[in-house]
Amino acid sequence: MNSRYRYLTVFLVLILMGCNPSPAAQVNAPQEDLDAIRQTTLDYIEGWYEGNAARMERSLHPDLVKRTIRDNQLVTVGAEEMVNYTRAGAGKAYQGDKKFSVTILGVYNDIATVRADSPEYVDYLQIGKVNGKWVILDALWTGKQSK
C-alpha cells in the first residue's frame, strides 16, 4: 500500500473513531450527581473494610440484590445481610493494602453504572437516585484472583 492510501486509511480511522464516543463520553451528569454517586460507592466499599454498618446501610437501597456466581450457582444476598456482615466485621478481617478505585461507567437521568475495585473484589453496581439520594440497587461481584 503506498503512502497516499496509508494516510487516507489513517484519516478515515480517525474520523470513524470520532463518530463512536468512548464510554467516558457517556458520563454526562451534573458534578453534584457524580460526586454523590462516587460517595455512595465509597460508603459501600470503605464501609465494608471499616466495619462501618452505618456507611454500608446508607449506600444501599433496602431492596438491594447483590449477586455472585460460586460453583456455577447464583448466590444472592440482600441489604440487611450486607449491613449485618459489615457490622460483624467481615470486611475488617482483610489485612492487606486497602486501595479503592471507583469508575463511573455511565449516567443517564436518575440511573448510573459503576465499577468498584477493592483489594479483594470487583463489583459492578447499578445505582439509582431514589427520593433525591443515590443508592445501590443491584450489585454483581466477583473475587480477584491471587497473583
C-alpha atoms as a PDB file:
ATOM      1  CA  MET A   1       0.000   0.000   0.000  1.00  0.00           C
ATOM      2  CA  ASN A   2       1.504   3.324  -0.982  1.00  0.00           C
ATOM      3  CA  SER A   3       1.810   6.186   1.459  1.00  0.00           C
ATOM      4  CA  ARG A   4      -1.125   8.079  -0.064  1.00  0.00           C
ATOM      5  CA  TYR A   5      -3.536   5.248   0.750  1.00  0.00           C
ATOM      6  CA  ARG A   6      -1.966   4.769   4.152  1.00  0.00           C
ATOM      7  CA  TYR A   7      -2.666   8.419   5.035  1.00  0.00           C
ATOM      8  CA  LEU A   8      -6.208   8.125   3.710  1.00  0.00           C
ATOM      9  CA  THR A   9      -6.777   4.987   5.822  1.00  0.00           C
ATOM     10  CA  VAL A  10      -5.445   6.670   8.966  1.00  0.00           C
ATOM     11  CA  PHE A  11      -7.607   9.728   8.248  1.00  0.00           C
ATOM     12  CA  LEU A  12     -10.760   7.589   7.843  1.00  0.00           C
ATOM     13  CA  VAL A  13      -9.994   5.623  11.020  1.00  0.00           C
ATOM     14  CA  LEU A  14      -9.654   8.878  12.976  1.00  0.00           C
ATOM     15  CA  ILE A  15     -12.970  10.131  11.606  1.00  0.00           C
ATOM     16  CA  LEU A  16     -14.693   6.868  12.496  1.00  0.00           C
ATOM     17  CA  MET A  17     -13.226   6.952  15.991  1.00  0.00           C
ATOM     18  CA  GLY A  18     -14.751  10.399  16.454  1.00  0.00           C
ATOM     19  CA  CYS A  19     -18.172   9.053  15.460  1.00  0.00           C
ATOM     20  CA  ASN A  20     -18.151   6.417  18.185  1.00  0.00           C
ATOM     21  CA  PRO A  21     -17.888   8.125  21.580  1.00  0.00           C
ATOM     22  CA  SER A  22     -15.843   6.430  24.241  1.00  0.00           C
ATOM     23  CA  PRO A  23     -17.556   5.180  27.421  1.00  0.00           C
ATOM     24  CA  ALA A  24     -16.152   8.183  29.281  1.00  0.00           C
ATOM     25  CA  ALA A  25     -18.072  10.476  26.939  1.00  0.00           C
ATOM     26  CA  GLN A  26     -21.315   8.845  28.096  1.00  0.00           C
ATOM     27  CA  VAL A  27     -20.860  10.175  31.630  1.00  0.00           C
ATOM     28  CA  ASN A  28     -22.686  13.440  31.188  1.00  0.00           C
ATOM     29  CA  ALA A  29     -24.198  14.417  34.515  1.00  0.00           C
ATOM     30  CA  PRO A  30     -24.042  17.342  36.918  1.00  0.00           C
ATOM     31  CA  GLN A  31     -20.927  17.312  39.083  1.00  0.00           C
ATOM     32  CA  GLU A  32     -23.032  17.085  42.254  1.00  0.00           C
ATOM     33  CA  ASP A  33     -24.567  13.822  40.965  1.00  0.00           C
ATOM     34  CA  LEU A  34     -21.148  12.425  40.011  1.00  0.00           C
ATOM     35  CA  ASP A  35     -19.827  13.323  43.480  1.00  0.00           C
ATOM     36  CA  ALA A  36     -22.852  11.703  45.160  1.00  0.00           C
ATOM     37  CA  ILE A  37     -22.509   8.538  43.050  1.00  0.00           C
ATOM     38  CA  ARG A  38     -18.813   8.307  43.937  1.00  0.00           C
ATOM     39  CA  GLN A  39     -19.556   8.895  47.648  1.00  0.00           C
ATOM     40  CA  THR A  40     -22.260   6.204  47.631  1.00  0.00           C
ATOM     41  CA  THR A  41     -19.762   3.765  46.133  1.00  0.00           C
ATOM     42  CA  LEU A  42     -17.070   4.722  48.664  1.00  0.00           C
ATOM     43  CA  ASP A  43     -19.548   4.326  51.537  1.00  0.00           C
ATOM     44  CA  TYR A  44     -20.147   0.807  50.235  1.00  0.00           C
ATOM     45  CA  ILE A  45     -16.527  -0.329  49.822  1.00  0.00           C
ATOM     46  CA  GLU A  46     -14.869   1.687  52.578  1.00  0.00           C
ATOM     47  CA  GLY A  47     -17.739   0.924  54.955  1.00  0.00           C
ATOM     48  CA  TRP A  48     -17.175  -2.793  54.297  1.00  0.00           C
ATOM     49  CA  TYR A  49     -13.475  -2.658  55.166  1.00  0.00           C
ATOM     50  CA  GLU A  50     -14.037  -0.328  58.157  1.00  0.00           C
ATOM     51  CA  GLY A  51     -16.823  -2.497  59.547  1.00  0.00           C
ATOM     52  CA  ASN A  52     -18.970   0.647  59.458  1.00  0.00           C
ATOM     53  CA  ALA A  53     -22.555  -0.602  59.206  1.00  0.00           C
ATOM     54  CA  ALA A  54     -23.945   2.952  59.059  1.00  0.00           C
ATOM     55  CA  ARG A  55     -21.932   3.774  55.913  1.00  0.00           C
ATOM     56  CA  MET A  56     -22.930   0.470  54.347  1.00  0.00           C
ATOM     57  CA  GLU A  57     -26.590   0.964  55.174  1.00  0.00           C
ATOM     58  CA  ARG A  58     -26.770   4.499  53.765  1.00  0.00           C
ATOM     59  CA  SER A  59     -25.232   3.315  50.478  1.00  0.00           C
ATOM     60  CA  LEU A  60     -27.830   0.580  49.889  1.00  0.00           C
ATOM     61  CA  HIS A  61     -31.447   0.609  48.823  1.00  0.00           C
ATOM     62  CA  PRO A  62     -33.452  -1.624  51.204  1.00  0.00           C
ATOM     63  CA  ASP A  63     -34.374  -3.856  48.229  1.00  0.00           C
ATOM     64  CA  LEU A  64     -30.745  -4.338  47.140  1.00  0.00           C
ATOM     65  CA  VAL A  65     -29.949  -7.541  45.295  1.00  0.00           C
ATOM     66  CA  LYS A  66     -26.252  -8.480  45.421  1.00  0.00           C
ATOM     67  CA  ARG A  67     -25.139 -11.495  43.427  1.00  0.00           C
ATOM     68  CA  THR A  68     -22.085 -13.560  42.646  1.00  0.00           C
ATOM     69  CA  ILE A  69     -21.512 -16.818  40.818  1.00  0.00           C
ATOM     70  CA  ARG A  70     -19.991 -19.536  43.006  1.00  0.00           C
ATOM     71  CA  ASP A  71     -19.516 -23.112  41.769  1.00  0.00           C
ATOM     72  CA  ASN A  72     -21.739 -22.330  38.767  1.00  0.00           C
ATOM     73  CA  GLN A  73     -24.535 -21.280  41.125  1.00  0.00           C
ATOM     74  CA  LEU A  74     -26.011 -17.842  41.626  1.00  0.00           C
ATOM     75  CA  VAL A  75     -25.597 -16.678  45.234  1.00  0.00           C
ATOM     76  CA  THR A  76     -27.734 -13.723  46.348  1.00  0.00           C
ATOM     77  CA  VAL A  77     -27.721 -11.524  49.450  1.00  0.00           C
ATOM     78  CA  GLY A  78     -29.827  -8.500  50.362  1.00  0.00           C
ATOM     79  CA  ALA A  79     -29.258  -5.164  52.060  1.00  0.00           C
ATOM     80  CA  GLU A  80     -29.991  -6.413  55.569  1.00  0.00           C
ATOM     81  CA  GLU A  81     -27.473  -9.247  55.195  1.00  0.00           C
ATOM     82  CA  MET A  82     -24.807  -6.869  53.855  1.00  0.00           C
ATOM     83  CA  VAL A  83     -25.316  -4.492  56.772  1.00  0.00           C
ATOM     84  CA  ASN A  84     -25.160  -7.385  59.250  1.00  0.00           C
ATOM     85  CA  TYR A  85     -21.976  -8.814  57.659  1.00  0.00           C
ATOM     86  CA  THR A  86     -20.436  -5.336  57.807  1.00  0.00           C
ATOM     87  CA  ARG A  87     -21.472  -4.830  61.425  1.00  0.00           C
ATOM     88  CA  ALA A  88     -19.928  -8.219  62.286  1.00  0.00           C
ATOM     89  CA  GLY A  89     -16.624  -7.014  60.801  1.00  0.00           C
ATOM     90  CA  ALA A  90     -16.428  -9.433  57.862  1.00  0.00           C
ATOM     91  CA  GLY A  91     -14.507  -6.879  55.775  1.00  0.00           C
ATOM     92  CA  LYS A  92     -12.227  -5.820  58.624  1.00  0.00           C
ATOM     93  CA  ALA A  93     -10.561  -9.232  58.547  1.00  0.00           C
ATOM     94  CA  TYR A  94      -8.637  -8.222  55.413  1.00  0.00           C
ATOM     95  CA  GLN A  95      -5.183  -7.058  56.488  1.00  0.00           C
ATOM     96  CA  GLY A  96      -3.634  -6.075  53.153  1.00  0.00           C
ATOM     97  CA  ASP A  97      -3.335  -2.736  51.396  1.00  0.00           C
ATOM     98  CA  LYS A  98      -6.720  -1.033  51.102  1.00  0.00           C
ATOM     99  CA  LYS A  99      -6.696   0.798  47.774  1.00  0.00           C
ATOM    100  CA  PHE A 100     -10.020   1.529  46.102  1.00  0.00           C
ATOM    101  CA  SER A 101     -10.963   2.565  42.602  1.00  0.00           C
ATOM    102  CA  VAL A 102     -14.341   3.925  41.542  1.00  0.00           C
ATOM    103  CA  THR A 103     -15.113   4.195  37.822  1.00  0.00           C
ATOM    104  CA  ILE A 104     -18.421   5.707  36.803  1.00  0.00           C
ATOM    105  CA  LEU A 105     -19.218   3.912  33.553  1.00  0.00           C
ATOM    106  CA  GLY A 106     -22.400   5.739  32.672  1.00  0.00           C
ATOM    107  CA  VAL A 107     -25.093   8.039  33.990  1.00  0.00           C
ATOM    108  CA  TYR A 108     -28.468   8.722  32.457  1.00  0.00           C
ATOM    109  CA  ASN A 109     -31.021  10.832  34.321  1.00  0.00           C
ATOM    110  CA  ASP A 110     -31.542   9.002  37.633  1.00  0.00           C
ATOM    111  CA  ILE A 111     -29.559   5.807  36.949  1.00  0.00           C
ATOM    112  CA  ALA A 112     -25.845   5.009  36.872  1.00  0.00           C
ATOM    113  CA  THR A 113     -23.496   2.074  36.408  1.00  0.00           C
ATOM    114  CA  VAL A 114     -20.262   1.979  38.404  1.00  0.00           C
ATOM    115  CA  ARG A 115     -17.282  -0.358  38.634  1.00  0.00           C
ATOM    116  CA  ALA A 116     -15.864  -0.543  42.155  1.00  0.00           C
ATOM    117  CA  ASP A 117     -12.460  -2.162  42.650  1.00  0.00           C
ATOM    118  CA  SER A 118     -11.305  -3.029  46.141  1.00  0.00           C
ATOM    119  CA  PRO A 119      -8.312  -5.140  47.182  1.00  0.00           C
ATOM    120  CA  GLU A 120     -10.301  -8.373  47.033  1.00  0.00           C
ATOM    121  CA  TYR A 121     -13.312  -7.723  44.808  1.00  0.00           C
ATOM    122  CA  VAL A 122     -14.637  -6.212  41.610  1.00  0.00           C
ATOM    123  CA  ASP A 123     -18.247  -5.029  41.810  1.00  0.00           C
ATOM    124  CA  TYR A 124     -20.451  -3.754  39.025  1.00  0.00           C
ATOM    125  CA  LEU A 125     -23.072  -1.581  40.683  1.00  0.00           C
ATOM    126  CA  GLN A 126     -26.373  -0.269  39.422  1.00  0.00           C
ATOM    127  CA  ILE A 127     -27.134   2.906  41.312  1.00  0.00           C
ATOM    128  CA  GLY A 128     -30.347   4.909  41.232  1.00  0.00           C
ATOM    129  CA  LYS A 129     -31.482   8.259  42.553  1.00  0.00           C
ATOM    130  CA  VAL A 130     -34.400   7.437  44.860  1.00  0.00           C
ATOM    131  CA  ASN A 131     -36.106  10.247  46.793  1.00  0.00           C
ATOM    132  CA  GLY A 132     -33.209  12.544  45.874  1.00  0.00           C
ATOM    133  CA  LYS A 133     -30.489  10.167  47.145  1.00  0.00           C
ATOM    134  CA  TRP A 134     -28.151   7.936  45.112  1.00  0.00           C
ATOM    135  CA  VAL A 135     -28.267   4.356  46.424  1.00  0.00           C
ATOM    136  CA  ILE A 136     -27.082   0.962  45.203  1.00  0.00           C
ATOM    137  CA  LEU A 137     -29.943  -1.077  43.786  1.00  0.00           C
ATOM    138  CA  ASP A 138     -28.050  -4.058  42.360  1.00  0.00           C
ATOM    139  CA  ALA A 139     -24.519  -5.397  42.634  1.00  0.00           C
ATOM    140  CA  LEU A 140     -22.774  -8.151  40.693  1.00  0.00           C
ATOM    141  CA  TRP A 141     -19.387  -9.036  42.157  1.00  0.00           C
ATOM    142  CA  THR A 142     -16.519 -11.466  41.910  1.00  0.00           C
ATOM    143  CA  GLY A 143     -13.361 -12.080  43.886  1.00  0.00           C
ATOM    144  CA  LYS A 144      -9.998 -11.055  42.473  1.00  0.00           C
ATOM    145  CA  GLN A 145      -7.570 -13.783  41.547  1.00  0.00           C
ATOM    146  CA  SER A 146      -4.477 -14.044  43.726  1.00  0.00           C
ATOM    147  CA  LYS A 147      -1.302 -13.057  41.968  1.00  0.00           C
END
